């Protein structure tokens, strides 16, 4: 039994993910610079690493999703930044510690992943969502993340 017939929330990308991307990219750049490779190879590799981290951070922080909703029947709706509201199918989820990763399948955009962490959602929302997800049976659906 779920605690609420419907769940709806505003979504914004997690700052934790951007911080993790920057930390991992910085550590990678330092490791490459300390390697014994020729200087030109180190500089080229660091440039590629930093470009990849920059692109990933831009994609992550410019998320397409504004709002997420799930009605009592388990139908998911995503309010996208440019296209408005669209139906989505929950393809998989993963709960790890205080974080919840939701993977949706959209008819037009393919797959979309949303990460709910303590910095972008409140504890009550994550608790209610964990209860709703625990009642689902996705074993016949797509493989877990």
Protein backbone atom coordinates (compact mmCIF):
# COMPACT_ATOMS: atom_id res chain seq x y z
CA UNK A 1 0.00 0.00 0.00
CA UNK A 2 1.38 3.39 -0.95
CA UNK A 3 1.24 6.39 1.34
CA UNK A 4 -0.16 8.74 -1.30
CA UNK A 5 -2.36 8.11 -4.33
CA UNK A 6 -0.22 10.40 -6.47
CA UNK A 7 3.28 11.78 -6.27
CA UNK A 8 4.41 14.95 -7.99
CA UNK A 9 7.53 17.03 -7.59
CA UNK A 10 9.67 19.68 -9.21
CA UNK A 11 13.01 18.41 -10.43
CA UNK A 12 16.35 20.13 -10.73
CA UNK A 13 19.69 18.46 -11.41
CA UNK A 14 21.79 17.55 -8.40
CA UNK A 15 24.80 19.71 -7.55
CA UNK A 16 26.44 16.61 -6.10
CA UNK A 17 26.77 15.11 -9.57
CA UNK A 18 28.43 18.23 -10.98
CA UNK A 19 30.85 18.27 -8.04
CA UNK A 20 31.63 14.58 -8.56
CA UNK A 21 32.25 15.15 -12.28
CA UNK A 22 34.63 18.03 -11.55
CA UNK A 23 36.47 16.06 -8.85
CA UNK A 24 36.93 12.98 -11.01
CA UNK A 25 37.99 15.10 -13.99
CA UNK A 26 40.49 17.01 -11.87
CA UNK A 27 41.95 13.83 -10.40
CA UNK A 28 42.25 12.35 -13.88
CA UNK A 29 44.01 15.46 -15.17
CA UNK A 30 46.49 15.39 -12.26
CA UNK A 31 47.19 11.69 -12.83
CA UNK A 32 47.83 12.28 -16.52
CA UNK A 33 50.10 15.26 -15.83
CA UNK A 34 52.14 13.19 -13.36
CA UNK A 35 52.56 10.32 -15.81
CA UNK A 36 55.72 9.63 -17.75
CA UNK A 37 54.12 10.29 -21.12
CA UNK A 38 55.60 12.90 -23.46
CA UNK A 39 54.53 16.46 -22.73
CA UNK A 40 52.49 16.78 -25.93
CA UNK A 41 50.55 13.59 -25.10
CA UNK A 42 49.87 14.74 -21.54
CA UNK A 43 48.61 18.13 -22.71
CA UNK A 44 46.41 16.58 -25.40
CA UNK A 45 44.98 14.01 -22.99
CA UNK A 46 44.24 16.62 -20.31
CA UNK A 47 42.53 18.80 -22.93
CA UNK A 48 40.32 15.88 -24.01
CA UNK A 49 39.50 14.99 -20.38
CA UNK A 50 38.57 18.57 -19.52
CA UNK A 51 36.45 18.93 -22.67
CA UNK A 52 34.58 15.71 -21.82
CA UNK A 53 34.00 16.83 -18.22
CA UNK A 54 32.79 20.24 -19.41
CA UNK A 55 30.37 18.67 -21.89
CA UNK A 56 29.05 16.17 -19.32
CA UNK A 57 28.54 18.96 -16.77
CA UNK A 58 26.65 21.08 -19.31
CA UNK A 59 24.40 18.19 -20.29
CA UNK A 60 23.76 17.36 -16.64
CA UNK A 61 23.01 20.91 -15.47
CA UNK A 62 20.79 21.74 -18.44
CA UNK A 63 18.32 18.97 -17.71
CA UNK A 64 15.23 18.66 -19.87
CA UNK A 65 12.85 17.77 -17.03
CA UNK A 66 11.05 20.39 -14.91
CA UNK A 67 8.44 18.30 -13.13
CA UNK A 68 7.70 14.63 -12.55
CA UNK A 69 4.38 13.09 -11.62
CA UNK A 70 2.99 9.62 -10.97
CA UNK A 71 -0.76 9.09 -10.61
CA UNK A 72 -2.55 6.44 -8.56
CA UNK A 73 -2.57 4.04 -11.53
CA UNK A 74 1.22 4.20 -11.84
CA UNK A 75 1.27 6.32 -15.01
CA UNK A 76 4.25 8.65 -15.11
CA UNK A 77 4.22 12.15 -16.61
CA UNK A 78 7.29 14.28 -17.23
CA UNK A 79 7.06 18.00 -17.88
CA UNK A 80 9.92 18.70 -20.28
CA UNK A 81 11.57 22.09 -20.62
CA UNK A 82 10.74 22.67 -24.30
CA UNK A 83 8.04 20.18 -25.26
CA UNK A 84 5.61 20.39 -22.35
CA UNK A 85 4.11 17.34 -20.67
CA UNK A 86 4.77 13.86 -22.03
CA UNK A 87 3.97 10.33 -20.90
CA UNK A 88 6.85 8.16 -19.71
CA UNK A 89 7.32 4.53 -18.73
CA UNK A 90 9.43 3.70 -15.70
CA UNK A 91 12.05 1.40 -17.22
CA UNK A 92 14.05 0.85 -14.04
CA UNK A 93 15.11 2.31 -10.74
CA UNK A 94 17.81 1.93 -8.15
CA UNK A 95 17.80 3.00 -4.52
CA UNK A 96 21.21 3.42 -2.94
CA UNK A 97 21.45 5.08 0.44
CA UNK A 98 19.60 8.38 0.43
CA UNK A 99 19.64 8.57 -3.39
CA UNK A 100 17.15 7.27 -5.95
CA UNK A 101 17.95 6.82 -9.63
CA UNK A 102 14.92 6.65 -11.94
CA UNK A 103 15.23 5.55 -15.57
CA UNK A 104 12.36 6.45 -17.88
CA UNK A 105 11.60 5.42 -21.43
CA UNK A 106 10.02 8.16 -23.54
CA UNK A 107 8.41 7.64 -26.93
CA UNK A 108 10.19 10.58 -28.56
CA UNK A 109 13.44 11.06 -26.63
CA UNK A 110 14.48 7.49 -25.87
CA UNK A 111 15.73 6.96 -22.33
CA UNK A 112 16.15 9.55 -19.62
CA UNK A 113 17.67 9.14 -16.15
CA UNK A 114 16.87 11.29 -13.11
CA UNK A 115 18.91 11.26 -9.90
CA UNK A 116 17.17 12.29 -6.68
CA UNK A 117 19.65 13.18 -3.93
CA UNK A 118 19.31 15.04 -0.61
CA UNK A 119 20.38 18.29 -2.29
CA UNK A 120 17.61 18.31 -4.92
CA UNK A 121 14.69 16.61 -3.12
CA UNK A 122 13.39 16.39 0.42
CA UNK A 123 13.50 13.29 2.61
CA UNK A 124 9.70 12.90 2.70
CA UNK A 125 9.46 12.83 -1.10
CA UNK A 126 12.20 10.19 -1.36
CA UNK A 127 10.51 8.11 1.37
CA UNK A 128 7.13 8.20 -0.41
CA UNK A 129 8.80 7.42 -3.73
CA UNK A 130 10.69 4.46 -2.22
CA UNK A 131 7.39 3.09 -0.89
CA UNK A 132 5.78 3.49 -4.33
CA UNK A 133 8.73 1.85 -6.08
CA UNK A 134 8.80 -1.05 -3.62
CA UNK A 135 5.25 -1.95 -4.66
CA UNK A 136 6.21 -2.16 -8.36
CA UNK A 137 7.22 -5.33 -10.15
CA UNK A 138 9.63 -4.43 -12.92
CA UNK A 139 11.15 -7.89 -13.26
CA UNK A 140 9.43 -8.40 -16.62
CA UNK A 141 10.44 -4.93 -17.77
CA UNK A 142 13.83 -3.78 -18.97
CA UNK A 143 16.92 -4.87 -17.01
CA UNK A 144 17.78 -3.03 -13.81
CA UNK A 145 20.33 -0.26 -13.88
